[in-house]
Protein backbone atom coordinates (compact mmCIF):
# COMPACT_ATOMS: atom_id res chain seq x y z
CA MET A 1 -68.87 30.34 -63.56
CA ILE A 2 -68.65 33.88 -62.94
CA THR A 3 -66.32 35.86 -60.53
CA LEU A 4 -68.53 37.84 -58.04
CA HIS A 5 -66.96 41.42 -57.25
CA SER A 6 -69.97 43.13 -55.65
CA ALA A 7 -72.72 42.17 -53.21
CA MET A 8 -75.57 43.91 -51.40
CA VAL A 9 -77.29 42.89 -48.11
CA LEU A 10 -80.81 44.37 -47.78
CA ALA A 11 -81.16 45.52 -44.18
CA ALA A 12 -83.33 48.30 -44.30
CA GLY A 13 -86.60 46.47 -43.60
CA LEU A 14 -88.98 47.33 -40.63
CA GLY A 15 -88.97 43.70 -39.29
CA THR A 16 -92.43 43.97 -38.44
CA ARG A 17 -93.20 40.23 -37.86
CA MET A 18 -90.34 39.99 -35.65
CA ARG A 19 -91.63 42.57 -32.86
CA PRO A 20 -91.21 43.23 -30.10
CA LEU A 21 -87.50 42.14 -30.85
CA THR A 22 -87.24 44.82 -33.65
CA GLU A 23 -88.89 47.62 -31.68
CA ALA A 24 -85.57 49.11 -30.91
CA THR A 25 -83.26 47.08 -33.17
CA PRO A 26 -83.17 46.40 -36.88
CA LYS A 27 -83.92 42.74 -37.70
CA PRO A 28 -80.63 41.96 -39.47
CA LEU A 29 -78.88 42.97 -35.85
CA LEU A 30 -80.73 40.32 -34.03
CA LYS A 31 -78.29 37.49 -32.67
CA LEU A 32 -78.32 33.94 -33.67
CA ALA A 33 -75.38 31.60 -32.55
CA GLY A 34 -73.65 34.67 -30.97
CA ARG A 35 -73.56 36.66 -33.96
CA SER A 36 -75.91 39.15 -35.65
CA LEU A 37 -77.77 38.07 -38.78
CA LEU A 38 -76.11 40.78 -40.65
CA ASP A 39 -72.44 39.54 -39.60
CA HIS A 40 -73.28 35.97 -40.62
CA ALA A 41 -74.41 37.23 -44.28
CA LEU A 42 -71.28 39.62 -44.33
CA ASP A 43 -68.97 36.58 -43.07
CA ARG A 44 -70.09 34.55 -46.03
CA ILE A 45 -69.72 37.40 -48.48
CA ASP A 46 -66.11 37.88 -47.21
CA ALA A 47 -65.35 34.06 -47.31
CA ALA A 48 -66.48 34.19 -51.07
CA GLY A 49 -63.80 36.65 -51.61
CA ILE A 50 -66.09 39.36 -52.80
CA GLY A 51 -64.33 42.81 -52.40
CA ASN A 52 -67.14 45.35 -52.78
CA THR A 53 -70.21 45.06 -50.45
CA VAL A 54 -73.05 47.50 -49.98
CA VAL A 55 -75.48 47.49 -46.96
CA ASN A 56 -78.73 49.69 -46.99
CA ALA A 57 -80.28 50.73 -43.96
CA HIS A 58 -83.42 52.61 -42.78
CA TRP A 59 -84.62 51.36 -39.64
CA PHE A 60 -82.38 52.61 -36.86
CA PRO A 61 -79.62 53.44 -39.41
CA ASP A 62 -77.11 54.31 -36.93
CA GLN A 63 -76.99 50.99 -35.39
CA VAL A 64 -76.32 49.42 -38.81
CA GLU A 65 -73.64 51.79 -39.75
CA ALA A 66 -72.09 51.04 -36.25
CA ALA A 67 -72.18 47.44 -36.80
CA CYS A 68 -70.73 47.69 -40.19
CA ALA A 69 -67.79 50.03 -38.99
CA ALA A 70 -66.74 47.48 -36.44
CA ARG A 71 -65.96 44.80 -39.00
CA ALA A 72 -62.30 44.21 -40.35
CA ARG A 73 -63.56 44.81 -43.76
CA PRO A 74 -66.46 47.63 -43.40
CA PRO A 75 -68.95 47.60 -46.06
CA GLN A 76 -70.44 50.49 -47.53
CA VAL A 77 -73.55 51.61 -45.85
CA LEU A 78 -76.35 53.50 -48.09
CA ARG A 79 -79.13 55.15 -45.83
CA GLU A 80 -82.79 55.13 -47.06
CA ASP A 81 -84.59 58.30 -45.76
CA THR A 82 -87.66 56.62 -47.20
CA ILE A 83 -87.82 52.80 -47.48
CA LEU A 84 -87.33 51.62 -51.05
CA GLU A 85 -88.20 47.98 -50.66
CA THR A 86 -86.40 45.24 -52.07
CA GLY A 87 -86.22 46.55 -55.80
CA GLY A 88 -86.04 50.08 -55.06
CA GLY A 89 -83.24 49.40 -52.60
CA VAL A 90 -81.10 47.40 -54.98
CA ARG A 91 -81.85 50.01 -57.93
CA ASN A 92 -80.63 52.88 -55.54
CA ALA A 93 -77.46 51.16 -55.12
CA LEU A 94 -76.72 50.20 -58.69
CA PRO A 95 -74.12 53.00 -59.17
CA LEU A 96 -72.15 51.23 -56.28
CA LEU A 97 -72.35 47.70 -57.51
CA GLY A 98 -70.91 48.17 -61.00
CA PRO A 99 -71.80 46.94 -64.48
CA ASP A 100 -71.30 43.09 -63.63
CA PRO A 101 -73.65 40.56 -62.26
CA PHE A 102 -73.67 40.98 -58.28
CA LEU A 103 -74.95 39.07 -55.29
CA VAL A 104 -77.89 40.09 -53.25
CA VAL A 105 -78.39 38.80 -49.72
CA ASN A 106 -81.52 39.52 -47.49
CA GLY A 107 -80.53 40.78 -44.32
CA ASP A 108 -82.36 38.03 -42.46
CA ALA A 109 -81.13 35.18 -44.44
CA PHE A 110 -79.32 32.46 -42.48
CA TRP A 111 -78.10 29.27 -43.92
CA LEU A 112 -75.49 26.71 -43.51
CA ASP A 113 -73.53 25.34 -46.55
CA GLY A 114 -73.87 21.74 -48.00
CA PRO A 115 -70.89 20.05 -49.64
CA ASN A 116 -69.98 23.33 -51.29
CA PRO A 117 -70.43 26.98 -50.13
CA ALA A 118 -73.85 28.34 -51.52
CA LEU A 119 -72.30 31.24 -53.07
CA GLU A 120 -69.76 29.21 -54.96
CA ASN A 121 -72.69 27.09 -56.37
CA LEU A 122 -74.66 30.19 -57.41
CA ALA A 123 -71.49 31.66 -59.14
CA THR A 124 -70.81 28.36 -60.90
CA ARG A 125 -74.39 28.01 -61.97
CA PHE A 126 -74.96 31.51 -63.18
CA ASP A 127 -75.01 32.01 -66.93
CA PRO A 128 -75.01 35.87 -67.95
CA GLU A 129 -76.08 35.00 -71.55
CA SER A 130 -79.38 33.15 -70.56
CA MET A 131 -80.05 34.58 -67.11
CA ASP A 132 -81.31 37.80 -65.66
CA ALA A 133 -81.29 36.64 -62.02
CA LEU A 134 -80.50 33.12 -60.35
CA LEU A 135 -82.10 32.60 -57.00
CA LEU A 136 -81.30 30.11 -54.25
CA VAL A 137 -84.46 28.35 -53.42
CA MET A 138 -85.39 25.65 -50.75
CA ARG A 139 -87.77 22.66 -51.01
CA ALA A 140 -90.62 24.02 -48.98
CA ALA A 141 -91.16 20.51 -47.55
CA SER A 142 -87.98 20.77 -45.74
CA VAL A 143 -88.59 24.08 -44.11
CA GLU A 144 -89.82 24.49 -40.60
CA GLY A 145 -92.43 26.99 -40.07
CA GLU A 146 -95.14 28.78 -42.26
CA VAL A 147 -94.34 28.61 -45.83
CA GLY A 148 -98.00 29.10 -47.39
CA ARG A 149 -98.21 27.70 -50.87
CA GLY A 150 -94.60 28.06 -51.69
CA ASP A 151 -93.14 30.75 -54.11
CA PHE A 152 -92.28 28.84 -57.28
CA ARG A 153 -92.22 25.98 -59.25
CA MET A 154 -89.29 24.95 -61.73
CA ASP A 155 -88.96 23.40 -65.20
CA PRO A 156 -86.57 20.80 -66.14
CA MET A 157 -84.11 23.47 -67.23
CA GLY A 158 -83.94 25.37 -63.80
CA ARG A 159 -86.46 28.16 -65.05
CA LEU A 160 -88.66 29.51 -62.38
CA LEU A 161 -92.41 29.84 -62.91
CA ARG A 162 -95.16 31.25 -60.63
CA PRO A 163 -97.81 28.90 -59.16
CA ARG A 164 -100.91 28.55 -60.98
CA GLU A 165 -104.22 29.62 -59.33
CA ARG A 166 -104.65 27.59 -55.97
CA GLU A 167 -101.52 25.55 -56.88
CA VAL A 168 -99.14 24.57 -54.04
CA VAL A 169 -95.47 24.82 -55.45
CA PRO A 170 -92.44 22.97 -54.00
CA TYR A 171 -90.01 25.94 -53.77
CA MET A 172 -89.49 29.03 -51.78
CA TYR A 173 -87.14 31.74 -51.98
CA ALA A 174 -84.13 31.58 -49.71
CA GLY A 175 -83.08 35.19 -49.73
CA VAL A 176 -79.91 34.89 -51.96
CA GLN A 177 -79.53 35.79 -55.62
CA ILE A 178 -77.22 36.80 -58.27
CA ILE A 179 -78.71 39.48 -60.53
CA HIS A 180 -77.44 40.81 -63.85
CA PRO A 181 -77.66 44.78 -63.83
CA ARG A 182 -80.15 44.41 -66.97
CA LEU A 183 -82.74 43.16 -64.70
CA PHE A 184 -83.15 46.70 -63.86
CA GLU A 185 -83.57 48.24 -67.29
CA ASP A 186 -86.69 50.45 -67.04
CA ALA A 187 -87.24 49.47 -63.55
CA PRO A 188 -89.69 51.92 -61.73
CA GLU A 189 -88.37 54.76 -59.57
CA GLY A 190 -89.00 54.76 -55.78
CA ALA A 191 -90.12 51.91 -53.71
CA PHE A 192 -91.06 48.67 -55.30
CA SER A 193 -90.71 44.87 -54.84
CA THR A 194 -88.17 42.88 -56.76
CA ASN A 195 -91.18 40.60 -57.52
CA ILE A 196 -92.10 42.82 -60.32
CA LEU A 197 -88.70 42.37 -62.10
CA TRP A 198 -88.82 38.63 -61.36
CA ASP A 199 -92.32 38.41 -63.09
CA ARG A 200 -90.72 40.22 -66.03
CA ALA A 201 -87.93 37.76 -66.21
CA ILE A 202 -90.19 35.03 -65.86
CA GLU A 203 -91.97 36.07 -69.05
CA ALA A 204 -88.80 36.14 -70.82
CA GLU A 205 -87.77 32.82 -69.55
CA ARG A 206 -84.73 34.41 -67.98
CA LEU A 207 -85.39 33.76 -64.07
CA PHE A 208 -83.69 30.68 -62.77
CA GLY A 209 -83.50 28.83 -59.54
CA LEU A 210 -80.78 26.66 -57.81
CA VAL A 211 -82.01 24.33 -54.82
CA HIS A 212 -79.73 24.92 -51.77
CA ASP A 213 -78.09 21.67 -50.59
CA GLY A 214 -77.49 22.68 -47.13
CA ALA A 215 -79.55 23.99 -44.12
CA TRP A 216 -81.67 27.07 -44.20
CA PHE A 217 -83.65 28.71 -41.47
CA HIS A 218 -87.07 30.71 -42.15
CA LEU A 219 -86.65 33.56 -39.59
CA SER A 220 -89.73 35.43 -39.72
CA THR A 221 -90.91 35.67 -35.99
CA PRO A 222 -89.55 35.52 -32.60
CA VAL A 223 -90.45 31.76 -32.50
CA ASP A 224 -88.53 31.05 -35.48
CA LEU A 225 -85.52 32.58 -33.98
CA ARG A 226 -85.78 30.89 -30.80
CA LYS A 227 -86.31 27.33 -32.57
CA ALA A 228 -83.07 28.23 -34.82
CA GLU A 229 -81.16 29.15 -31.81
CA GLY A 230 -82.24 25.94 -29.96
CA LEU A 231 -81.02 23.46 -32.86
CA LEU A 232 -77.67 25.39 -33.10
CA ALA A 233 -77.13 25.08 -29.28
CA ALA A 234 -78.11 21.51 -29.35
CA ASN A 235 -75.49 21.00 -32.17
CA LEU A 236 -78.10 19.36 -34.27
CA VAL A 237 -76.85 21.88 -37.03
CA LYS A 238 -73.67 23.86 -36.87
CA PRO A 239 -72.88 27.42 -38.29
CA LEU A 240 -69.99 28.07 -40.49
CA PHE A 241 -68.51 30.69 -38.38
């Protein structure tokens, strides 16, 4: 088990599939169960006792900064004049995240904890000696909405592997991960996807997955958001806060 000191929320995306809701609002500031997706993510980070949090912003960054400033424990906001994508965004924030393993949460990730908090489960499972990254994953069969062919398969040790050609795989990334800074050694400059680094870690057998034991919502389109709101309003599932 490790103790997490730093976290980053990726909130700089354009949210194109969520339009028209994101034409004048960053996707992480869309509301679900009365709070923004960004607040839900930050609530869970605060509940985990993580003291240093960074949020990146690009699309309507003033709105993201205002939302962060309104919190009791405001995170640092890092503006991106040019969108850097998932990998470039984290790489840009490394000086603020420190030398130890840190948490990264997608700004549109929304989950409900199972018997134990998901962030606690990740911290308990993470082994800095053998892992460059540990991803929270969902069983694709349990996810409502379009999941395609899935993202990963998993070996008996929990190592993640990419699907073979035309293969349908059982797991999809849930938007939450613990990363060791060494994952970014020799990383590209500028904009790039974290997938580049995940593939490198897969080749080194250092990318692992942890299956989430609670509920998780695939929030890609306005329809997805309405479905999630309906489930929560009907008390079929209940938010943590």
